[in-house]
Each structure stands twice: as structure tokens, then as C-alpha cells.
Amino acid sequence: MRMIRFEPFDLFWRPVSALAWILTIAAIAYCVQVFAAIDTRSHSVTDTLYAVYPHWGVTFLLWEWLARRSVVRRSA
């Protein structure tokens, strides 16, 4: 039995279980922390975006992969 649960919501995934919410909040907190750390050392907006993109991309792809693998299927 899977503990992480998401359900489709338009183009996104909506967390349903408590563990899914914790995972989502942790991913957002990580992205905010990475942005804050990189932005303090950047000289321009493009420096920040180039440095943040790999972290945010990998985090989003991992979150999306977990959401797709643990989707709640509703019967019609």
C-alpha cells in the first residue's frame, strides 16, 4: 500500500495524503532556500536563474515522478 497520494488537478497534481503534503512543502522549502542562497551571491537576474534552474528542475522532476507513480485513481 502506497502512503504518498496525489490526484490529478487540471495540469497539476494535488496532494491528498499527509505524506504528500509534507513532500510538497519540503520541495517548496528547498527551492526557496536554494534561491535565497544563490541570490545573495549573484550579480544579475540571469546569474540567479542560471544557477537556480538545475536545482529547481531536478526537484520538480522528482516531485512529478513521485506524483505520477502514486496517483489516486477514481472510478467513474
PDB file of N, CA and C in Angstrom:
ATOM      1  N   MET A   1       0.835  -1.184   0.000  1.00  0.00           N
ATOM      2  CA  MET A   1       0.000   0.000   0.000  1.00  0.00           C
ATOM      3  C   MET A   1       0.879   1.246   0.000  1.00  0.00           C
ATOM      4  N   ARG A   2       0.593   2.137  -0.911  1.00  0.00           N
ATOM      5  CA  ARG A   2       1.373   3.365  -1.012  1.00  0.00           C
ATOM      6  C   ARG A   2       0.854   4.401  -0.029  1.00  0.00           C
ATOM      7  N   MET A   3       1.785   5.098   0.608  1.00  0.00           N
ATOM      8  CA  MET A   3       1.410   6.109   1.589  1.00  0.00           C
ATOM      9  C   MET A   3       1.270   7.495   0.944  1.00  0.00           C
ATOM     10  N   ILE A   4       2.079   7.775  -0.068  1.00  0.00           N
ATOM     11  CA  ILE A   4       2.023   9.077  -0.729  1.00  0.00           C
ATOM     12  C   ILE A   4       0.877   9.033  -1.733  1.00  0.00           C
ATOM     13  N   ARG A   5      -0.012  10.020  -1.666  1.00  0.00           N
ATOM     14  CA  ARG A   5      -1.158  10.050  -2.569  1.00  0.00           C
ATOM     15  C   ARG A   5      -1.320  11.423  -3.198  1.00  0.00           C
ATOM     16  N   PHE A   6      -1.472  11.425  -4.517  1.00  0.00           N
ATOM     17  CA  PHE A   6      -1.769  12.632  -5.274  1.00  0.00           C
ATOM     18  C   PHE A   6      -2.972  12.325  -6.160  1.00  0.00           C
ATOM     19  N   GLU A   7      -3.673  13.372  -6.575  1.00  0.00           N
ATOM     20  CA  GLU A   7      -4.729  13.194  -7.546  1.00  0.00           C
ATOM     21  C   GLU A   7      -4.600  14.274  -8.607  1.00  0.00           C
ATOM     22  N   PRO A   8      -4.997  13.959  -9.835  1.00  0.00           N
ATOM     23  CA  PRO A   8      -4.866  14.944 -10.905  1.00  0.00           C
ATOM     24  C   PRO A   8      -5.758  16.160 -10.648  1.00  0.00           C
ATOM     25  N   PHE A   9      -5.229  17.336 -10.961  1.00  0.00           N
ATOM     26  CA  PHE A   9      -5.961  18.585 -10.801  1.00  0.00           C
ATOM     27  C   PHE A   9      -5.564  19.484 -11.971  1.00  0.00           C
ATOM     28  N   ASP A  10      -6.355  19.478 -13.029  1.00  0.00           N
ATOM     29  CA  ASP A  10      -6.051  20.174 -14.282  1.00  0.00           C
ATOM     30  C   ASP A  10      -4.695  19.710 -14.803  1.00  0.00           C
ATOM     31  N   LEU A  11      -3.724  20.613 -14.898  1.00  0.00           N
ATOM     32  CA  LEU A  11      -2.398  20.239 -15.397  1.00  0.00           C
ATOM     33  C   LEU A  11      -1.432  19.866 -14.287  1.00  0.00           C
ATOM     34  N   PHE A  12      -1.875  19.958 -13.049  1.00  0.00           N
ATOM     35  CA  PHE A  12      -1.001  19.749 -11.902  1.00  0.00           C
ATOM     36  C   PHE A  12      -1.448  18.532 -11.104  1.00  0.00           C
ATOM     37  N   TRP A  13      -0.740  18.279 -10.026  1.00  0.00           N
ATOM     38  CA  TRP A  13      -1.088  17.212  -9.088  1.00  0.00           C
ATOM     39  C   TRP A  13      -1.417  17.843  -7.742  1.00  0.00           C
ATOM     40  N   ARG A  14      -2.484  17.383  -7.126  1.00  0.00           N
ATOM     41  CA  ARG A  14      -2.873  17.904  -5.818  1.00  0.00           C
ATOM     42  C   ARG A  14      -2.567  16.848  -4.762  1.00  0.00           C
ATOM     43  N   PRO A  15      -1.804  17.213  -3.726  1.00  0.00           N
ATOM     44  CA  PRO A  15      -1.518  16.256  -2.656  1.00  0.00           C
ATOM     45  C   PRO A  15      -2.799  15.918  -1.892  1.00  0.00           C
ATOM     46  N   VAL A  16      -2.965  14.646  -1.574  1.00  0.00           N
ATOM     47  CA  VAL A  16      -4.155  14.202  -0.864  1.00  0.00           C
ATOM     48  C   VAL A  16      -3.807  13.717   0.542  1.00  0.00           C
ATOM     49  N   SER A  17      -2.714  12.990   0.668  1.00  0.00           N
ATOM     50  CA  SER A  17      -2.336  12.449   1.974  1.00  0.00           C
ATOM     51  C   SER A  17      -1.396  13.396   2.707  1.00  0.00           C
ATOM     52  N   ALA A  18      -1.224  13.141   3.986  1.00  0.00           N
ATOM     53  CA  ALA A  18      -0.341  13.972   4.800  1.00  0.00           C
ATOM     54  C   ALA A  18       1.108  13.862   4.321  1.00  0.00           C
ATOM     55  N   LEU A  19       1.535  12.675   3.951  1.00  0.00           N
ATOM     56  CA  LEU A  19       2.905  12.492   3.470  1.00  0.00           C
ATOM     57  C   LEU A  19       3.135  13.231   2.149  1.00  0.00           C
ATOM     58  N   ALA A  20       2.140  13.271   1.307  1.00  0.00           N
ATOM     59  CA  ALA A  20       2.255  14.016   0.053  1.00  0.00           C
ATOM     60  C   ALA A  20       2.363  15.512   0.318  1.00  0.00           C
ATOM     61  N   TRP A  21       1.614  16.011   1.295  1.00  0.00           N
ATOM     62  CA  TRP A  21       1.717  17.425   1.668  1.00  0.00           C
ATOM     63  C   TRP A  21       3.097  17.740   2.230  1.00  0.00           C
ATOM     64  N   ILE A  22       3.623  16.856   3.063  1.00  0.00           N
ATOM     65  CA  ILE A  22       4.958  17.063   3.631  1.00  0.00           C
ATOM     66  C   ILE A  22       6.006  17.082   2.521  1.00  0.00           C
ATOM     67  N   LEU A  23       5.882  16.181   1.568  1.00  0.00           N
ATOM     68  CA  LEU A  23       6.807  16.135   0.439  1.00  0.00           C
ATOM     69  C   LEU A  23       6.717  17.416  -0.392  1.00  0.00           C
ATOM     70  N   THR A  24       5.523  17.902  -0.625  1.00  0.00           N
ATOM     71  CA  THR A  24       5.330  19.117  -1.403  1.00  0.00           C
ATOM     72  C   THR A  24       5.904  20.334  -0.686  1.00  0.00           C
ATOM     73  N   ILE A  25       5.627  20.449   0.591  1.00  0.00           N
ATOM     74  CA  ILE A  25       6.145  21.574   1.379  1.00  0.00           C
ATOM     75  C   ILE A  25       7.664  21.515   1.481  1.00  0.00           C
ATOM     76  N   ALA A  26       8.224  20.318   1.616  1.00  0.00           N
ATOM     77  CA  ALA A  26       9.684  20.172   1.667  1.00  0.00           C
ATOM     78  C   ALA A  26      10.318  20.576   0.339  1.00  0.00           C
ATOM     79  N   ALA A  27       9.699  20.224  -0.776  1.00  0.00           N
ATOM     80  CA  ALA A  27      10.228  20.611  -2.086  1.00  0.00           C
ATOM     81  C   ALA A  27      10.188  22.120  -2.262  1.00  0.00           C
ATOM     82  N   ILE A  28       9.095  22.748  -1.851  1.00  0.00           N
ATOM     83  CA  ILE A  28       8.983  24.204  -1.953  1.00  0.00           C
ATOM     84  C   ILE A  28       9.996  24.879  -1.037  1.00  0.00           C
ATOM     85  N   ALA A  29      10.153  24.372   0.179  1.00  0.00           N
ATOM     86  CA  ALA A  29      11.119  24.954   1.121  1.00  0.00           C
ATOM     87  C   ALA A  29      12.540  24.837   0.581  1.00  0.00           C
ATOM     88  N   TYR A  30      12.862  23.710  -0.029  1.00  0.00           N
ATOM     89  CA  TYR A  30      14.195  23.534  -0.617  1.00  0.00           C
ATOM     90  C   TYR A  30      14.418  24.538  -1.742  1.00  0.00           C
ATOM     91  N   CYS A  31      13.426  24.719  -2.599  1.00  0.00           N
ATOM     92  CA  CYS A  31      13.565  25.656  -3.710  1.00  0.00           C
ATOM     93  C   CYS A  31      13.735  27.090  -3.218  1.00  0.00           C
ATOM     94  N   VAL A  32      12.996  27.465  -2.183  1.00  0.00           N
ATOM     95  CA  VAL A  32      13.129  28.807  -1.617  1.00  0.00           C
ATOM     96  C   VAL A  32      14.513  28.989  -0.993  1.00  0.00           C
ATOM     97  N   GLN A  33      14.986  27.981  -0.288  1.00  0.00           N
ATOM     98  CA  GLN A  33      16.308  28.063   0.350  1.00  0.00           C
ATOM     99  C   GLN A  33      17.417  28.156  -0.694  1.00  0.00           C
ATOM    100  N   VAL A  34      17.317  27.389  -1.756  1.00  0.00           N
ATOM    101  CA  VAL A  34      18.315  27.444  -2.821  1.00  0.00           C
ATOM    102  C   VAL A  34      18.306  28.814  -3.483  1.00  0.00           C
ATOM    103  N   PHE A  35      17.109  29.337  -3.749  1.00  0.00           N
ATOM    104  CA  PHE A  35      17.018  30.659  -4.357  1.00  0.00           C
ATOM    105  C   PHE A  35      17.652  31.723  -3.467  1.00  0.00           C
ATOM    106  N   ALA A  36      17.358  31.678  -2.185  1.00  0.00           N
ATOM    107  CA  ALA A  36      17.907  32.682  -1.260  1.00  0.00           C
ATOM    108  C   ALA A  36      19.428  32.587  -1.184  1.00  0.00           C
ATOM    109  N   ALA A  37      19.959  31.370  -1.145  1.00  0.00           N
ATOM    110  CA  ALA A  37      21.404  31.197  -1.050  1.00  0.00           C
ATOM    111  C   ALA A  37      22.111  31.652  -2.321  1.00  0.00           C
ATOM    112  N   ILE A  38      21.550  31.353  -3.465  1.00  0.00           N
ATOM    113  CA  ILE A  38      22.189  31.713  -4.729  1.00  0.00           C
ATOM    114  C   ILE A  38      22.024  33.194  -5.021  1.00  0.00           C
ATOM    115  N   ASP A  39      20.881  33.754  -4.665  1.00  0.00           N
ATOM    116  CA  ASP A  39      20.614  35.155  -4.980  1.00  0.00           C
ATOM    117  C   ASP A  39      21.539  36.102  -4.217  1.00  0.00           C
ATOM    118  N   THR A  40      22.005  35.696  -3.048  1.00  0.00           N
ATOM    119  CA  THR A  40      22.907  36.576  -2.291  1.00  0.00           C
ATOM    120  C   THR A  40      24.267  36.717  -2.958  1.00  0.00           C
ATOM    121  N   ARG A  41      24.662  35.752  -3.780  1.00  0.00           N
ATOM    122  CA  ARG A  41      25.974  35.777  -4.424  1.00  0.00           C
ATOM    123  C   ARG A  41      25.924  36.129  -5.909  1.00  0.00           C
ATOM    124  N   SER A  42      24.719  36.332  -6.435  1.00  0.00           N
ATOM    125  CA  SER A  42      24.582  36.600  -7.868  1.00  0.00           C
ATOM    126  C   SER A  42      24.753  38.089  -8.167  1.00  0.00           C
ATOM    127  N   HIS A  43      25.211  38.356  -9.377  1.00  0.00           N
ATOM    128  CA  HIS A  43      25.417  39.736  -9.800  1.00  0.00           C
ATOM    129  C   HIS A  43      24.269  40.252 -10.660  1.00  0.00           C
ATOM    130  N   SER A  44      23.468  39.334 -11.213  1.00  0.00           N
ATOM    131  CA  SER A  44      22.359  39.758 -12.064  1.00  0.00           C
ATOM    132  C   SER A  44      21.231  38.723 -11.981  1.00  0.00           C
ATOM    133  N   VAL A  45      20.135  39.067 -12.610  1.00  0.00           N
ATOM    134  CA  VAL A  45      18.986  38.155 -12.625  1.00  0.00           C
ATOM    135  C   VAL A  45      19.332  36.891 -13.398  1.00  0.00           C
ATOM    136  N   THR A  46      20.039  37.026 -14.487  1.00  0.00           N
ATOM    137  CA  THR A  46      20.374  35.840 -15.274  1.00  0.00           C
ATOM    138  C   THR A  46      21.339  34.917 -14.523  1.00  0.00           C
ATOM    139  N   ASP A  47      22.246  35.475 -13.751  1.00  0.00           N
ATOM    140  CA  ASP A  47      23.115  34.640 -12.907  1.00  0.00           C
ATOM    141  C   ASP A  47      22.275  33.805 -11.953  1.00  0.00           C
ATOM    142  N   THR A  48      21.296  34.432 -11.342  1.00  0.00           N
ATOM    143  CA  THR A  48      20.427  33.724 -10.399  1.00  0.00           C
ATOM    144  C   THR A  48      19.648  32.624 -11.109  1.00  0.00           C
ATOM    145  N   LEU A  49      19.045  32.957 -12.242  1.00  0.00           N
ATOM    146  CA  LEU A  49      18.233  31.963 -12.952  1.00  0.00           C
ATOM    147  C   LEU A  49      19.065  30.798 -13.470  1.00  0.00           C
ATOM    148  N   TYR A  50      20.248  31.086 -13.987  1.00  0.00           N
ATOM    149  CA  TYR A  50      21.115  30.009 -14.472  1.00  0.00           C
ATOM    150  C   TYR A  50      21.568  29.087 -13.341  1.00  0.00           C
ATOM    151  N   ALA A  51      21.806  29.631 -12.174  1.00  0.00           N
ATOM    152  CA  ALA A  51      22.267  28.827 -11.047  1.00  0.00           C
ATOM    153  C   ALA A  51      21.125  28.074 -10.369  1.00  0.00           C
ATOM    154  N   VAL A  52      19.932  28.644 -10.367  1.00  0.00           N
ATOM    155  CA  VAL A  52      18.787  28.038  -9.685  1.00  0.00           C
ATOM    156  C   VAL A  52      18.140  26.943 -10.537  1.00  0.00           C
ATOM    157  N   TYR A  53      18.178  27.108 -11.838  1.00  0.00           N
ATOM    158  CA  TYR A  53      17.484  26.193 -12.741  1.00  0.00           C
ATOM    159  C   TYR A  53      17.819  24.711 -12.518  1.00  0.00           C
ATOM    160  N   PRO A  54      19.074  24.302 -12.404  1.00  0.00           N
ATOM    161  CA  PRO A  54      19.336  22.867 -12.199  1.00  0.00           C
ATOM    162  C   PRO A  54      18.720  22.314 -10.912  1.00  0.00           C
ATOM    163  N   HIS A  55      18.752  23.098  -9.856  1.00  0.00           N
ATOM    164  CA  HIS A  55      18.176  22.636  -8.585  1.00  0.00           C
ATOM    165  C   HIS A  55      16.657  22.531  -8.674  1.00  0.00           C
ATOM    166  N   TRP A  56      16.041  23.571  -9.210  1.00  0.00           N
ATOM    167  CA  TRP A  56      14.580  23.570  -9.320  1.00  0.00           C
ATOM    168  C   TRP A  56      14.099  22.515 -10.306  1.00  0.00           C
ATOM    169  N   GLY A  57      14.828  22.343 -11.400  1.00  0.00           N
ATOM    170  CA  GLY A  57      14.429  21.355 -12.401  1.00  0.00           C
ATOM    171  C   GLY A  57      14.445  19.937 -11.853  1.00  0.00           C
ATOM    172  N   VAL A  58      15.511  19.580 -11.167  1.00  0.00           N
ATOM    173  CA  VAL A  58      15.617  18.236 -10.595  1.00  0.00           C
ATOM    174  C   VAL A  58      14.564  18.028  -9.499  1.00  0.00           C
ATOM    175  N   THR A  59      14.349  19.050  -8.675  1.00  0.00           N
ATOM    176  CA  THR A  59      13.357  18.941  -7.605  1.00  0.00           C
ATOM    177  C   THR A  59      11.963  18.759  -8.190  1.00  0.00           C
ATOM    178  N   PHE A  60      11.622  19.555  -9.203  1.00  0.00           N
ATOM    179  CA  PHE A  60      10.305  19.431  -9.828  1.00  0.00           C
ATOM    180  C   PHE A  60      10.134  18.078 -10.506  1.00  0.00           C
ATOM    181  N   LEU A  61      11.164  17.608 -11.206  1.00  0.00           N
ATOM    182  CA  LEU A  61      11.055  16.312 -11.883  1.00  0.00           C
ATOM    183  C   LEU A  61      10.892  15.162 -10.888  1.00  0.00           C
ATOM    184  N   LEU A  62      11.594  15.220  -9.780  1.00  0.00           N
ATOM    185  CA  LEU A  62      11.438  14.187  -8.755  1.00  0.00           C
ATOM    186  C   LEU A  62      10.034  14.226  -8.155  1.00  0.00           C
ATOM    187  N   TRP A  63       9.547  15.429  -7.855  1.00  0.00           N
ATOM    188  CA  TRP A  63       8.200  15.573  -7.300  1.00  0.00           C
ATOM    189  C   TRP A  63       7.153  15.083  -8.302  1.00  0.00           C
ATOM    190  N   GLU A  64       7.309  15.433  -9.573  1.00  0.00           N
ATOM    191  CA  GLU A  64       6.381  14.996 -10.623  1.00  0.00           C
ATOM    192  C   GLU A  64       6.416  13.478 -10.786  1.00  0.00           C
ATOM    193  N   TRP A  65       7.598  12.886 -10.735  1.00  0.00           N
ATOM    194  CA  TRP A  65       7.724  11.439 -10.868  1.00  0.00           C
ATOM    195  C   TRP A  65       7.021  10.726  -9.709  1.00  0.00           C
ATOM    196  N   LEU A  66       7.229  11.215  -8.487  1.00  0.00           N
ATOM    197  CA  LEU A  66       6.554  10.619  -7.333  1.00  0.00           C
ATOM    198  C   LEU A  66       5.044  10.799  -7.421  1.00  0.00           C
ATOM    199  N   ALA A  67       4.596  11.946  -7.892  1.00  0.00           N
ATOM    200  CA  ALA A  67       3.159  12.184  -8.024  1.00  0.00           C
ATOM    201  C   ALA A  67       2.544  11.252  -9.058  1.00  0.00           C
ATOM    202  N   ARG A  68       3.196  11.071 -10.176  1.00  0.00           N
ATOM    203  CA  ARG A  68       2.653  10.182 -11.218  1.00  0.00           C
ATOM    204  C   ARG A  68       2.618   8.725 -10.772  1.00  0.00           C
ATOM    205  N   ARG A  69       3.597   8.308  -9.990  1.00  0.00           N
ATOM    206  CA  ARG A  69       3.640   6.913  -9.546  1.00  0.00           C
ATOM    207  C   ARG A  69       2.654   6.615  -8.426  1.00  0.00           C
ATOM    208  N   SER A  70       2.175   7.631  -7.751  1.00  0.00           N
ATOM    209  CA  SER A  70       1.298   7.392  -6.600  1.00  0.00           C
ATOM    210  C   SER A  70      -0.058   8.087  -6.747  1.00  0.00           C
ATOM    211  N   VAL A  71      -0.534   8.179  -7.957  1.00  0.00           N
ATOM    212  CA  VAL A  71      -1.800   8.870  -8.229  1.00  0.00           C
ATOM    213  C   VAL A  71      -2.972   8.040  -7.708  1.00  0.00           C
ATOM    214  N   VAL A  72      -3.981   8.713  -7.199  1.00  0.00           N
ATOM    215  CA  VAL A  72      -5.213   8.066  -6.759  1.00  0.00           C
ATOM    216  C   VAL A  72      -6.134   7.975  -7.962  1.00  0.00           C
ATOM    217  N   ARG A  73      -6.522   6.788  -8.323  1.00  0.00           N
ATOM    218  CA  ARG A  73      -7.404   6.594  -9.467  1.00  0.00           C
ATOM    219  C   ARG A  73      -8.843   6.504  -8.958  1.00  0.00           C
ATOM    220  N   ARG A  74      -9.646   7.419  -9.433  1.00  0.00           N
ATOM    221  CA  ARG A  74     -11.056   7.431  -9.048  1.00  0.00           C
ATOM    222  C   ARG A  74     -11.864   6.690 -10.101  1.00  0.00           C
ATOM    223  N   SER A  75     -12.732   5.805  -9.651  1.00  0.00           N
ATOM    224  CA  SER A  75     -13.588   5.077 -10.593  1.00  0.00           C
ATOM    225  C   SER A  75     -14.824   5.914 -10.895  1.00  0.00           C
ATOM    226  N   ALA A  76     -15.287   5.831 -12.120  1.00  0.00           N
ATOM    227  CA  ALA A  76     -16.442   6.646 -12.544  1.00  0.00           C
ATOM    228  C   ALA A  76     -17.753   6.043 -12.152  1.00  0.00           C
TER     229      ALA A  76
END
